Protein backbone atom coordinates (compact mmCIF):
# COMPACT_ATOMS: atom_id res chain seq x y z
CA UNK A 1 7.23 13.14 13.29
CA UNK A 2 9.94 14.41 10.95
CA UNK A 3 12.58 13.92 13.64
CA UNK A 4 11.40 10.35 14.22
CA UNK A 5 11.58 9.53 10.51
CA UNK A 6 15.06 11.06 10.28
CA UNK A 7 16.16 9.12 13.36
CA UNK A 8 14.91 5.84 11.91
CA UNK A 9 16.43 6.57 8.49
CA UNK A 10 19.84 7.19 10.06
CA UNK A 11 19.65 3.84 11.85
CA UNK A 12 18.21 1.68 9.08
CA UNK A 13 20.92 -0.97 9.50
CA UNK A 14 20.06 -1.36 13.17
CA UNK A 15 16.36 -1.67 12.37
CA UNK A 16 17.11 -4.36 9.78
CA UNK A 17 19.05 -6.42 12.34
CA UNK A 18 16.33 -5.93 14.96
CA UNK A 19 13.81 -7.23 12.43
CA UNK A 20 15.92 -10.33 11.76
CA UNK A 21 16.39 -10.91 15.49
CA UNK A 22 12.64 -10.72 16.02
CA UNK A 23 12.05 -13.13 13.13
CA UNK A 24 14.59 -15.53 14.63
CA UNK A 25 12.91 -15.23 18.02
CA UNK A 26 9.54 -16.15 16.54
CA UNK A 27 11.02 -19.25 14.88
CA UNK A 28 12.79 -20.29 18.11
CA UNK A 29 9.56 -19.72 20.04
CA UNK A 30 7.77 -21.91 17.52
CA UNK A 31 10.14 -24.79 18.41
CA UNK A 32 9.16 -24.47 22.09
CA UNK A 33 5.42 -23.96 21.60
CA UNK A 34 3.14 -26.83 22.54
CA UNK A 35 1.30 -28.12 19.51
CA UNK A 36 -2.28 -29.33 19.60
CA UNK A 37 -3.85 -31.36 16.86
CA UNK A 38 -3.09 -29.63 13.54
CA UNK A 39 -6.10 -28.22 11.73
CA UNK A 40 -4.07 -27.20 8.68
CA UNK A 41 -1.00 -28.79 7.08
CA UNK A 42 1.12 -25.77 8.08
CA UNK A 43 0.37 -26.27 11.77
CA UNK A 44 2.70 -29.27 11.92
CA UNK A 45 5.64 -27.53 10.16
CA UNK A 46 7.95 -25.64 12.52
CA UNK A 47 8.31 -22.00 11.48
CA UNK A 48 5.58 -22.20 8.85
CA UNK A 49 3.53 -19.27 10.13
CA UNK A 50 6.60 -17.05 10.57
CA UNK A 51 7.64 -17.72 6.98
CA UNK A 52 4.08 -17.38 5.76
CA UNK A 53 3.82 -13.95 7.39
CA UNK A 54 7.19 -12.81 6.02
CA UNK A 55 6.59 -13.95 2.45
CA UNK A 56 2.99 -12.78 2.50
CA UNK A 57 4.08 -9.31 3.56
CA UNK A 58 6.78 -9.20 0.87
CA UNK A 59 4.31 -10.37 -1.78
CA UNK A 60 1.78 -7.72 -0.76
CA UNK A 61 4.50 -5.08 -0.98
CA UNK A 62 5.47 -6.11 -4.52
CA UNK A 63 1.84 -6.37 -5.63
CA UNK A 64 0.97 -2.94 -4.22
CA UNK A 65 4.05 -1.43 -5.84
CA UNK A 66 3.01 -2.94 -9.17
CA UNK A 67 -0.51 -1.56 -8.80
CA UNK A 68 0.96 1.86 -8.05
CA UNK A 69 3.08 1.83 -11.21
CA UNK A 70 0.22 0.58 -13.39
CA UNK A 71 -2.63 2.77 -12.18
CA UNK A 72 -1.46 5.68 -10.07
CA UNK A 73 1.92 6.87 -11.32
CA UNK A 74 1.83 9.98 -13.50
CA UNK A 75 4.45 11.43 -15.83
CA UNK A 76 6.78 14.08 -14.46
CA UNK A 77 5.14 16.78 -16.63
CA UNK A 78 1.59 15.67 -15.85
CA UNK A 79 0.63 18.97 -14.22
CA UNK A 80 2.28 21.06 -16.96
CA UNK A 81 -0.11 19.73 -19.61
């Protein structure tokens, strides 16, 4: 597991570009997908669900990081007290 994490850390730039390629693929696929009758306003917008997933994931990351800093983070000398 440690070797895998080190391998991925050394190639973080490659992973970032693979992520963007995958995101681009999902948007291109959304152009080619057959659309049925929309049940939600986002169903008729091309790339809506890809963007919704991306921004939702980013928002959850920021919210969870904020919760960590508010409730869970301890001072550096917490265990020395």
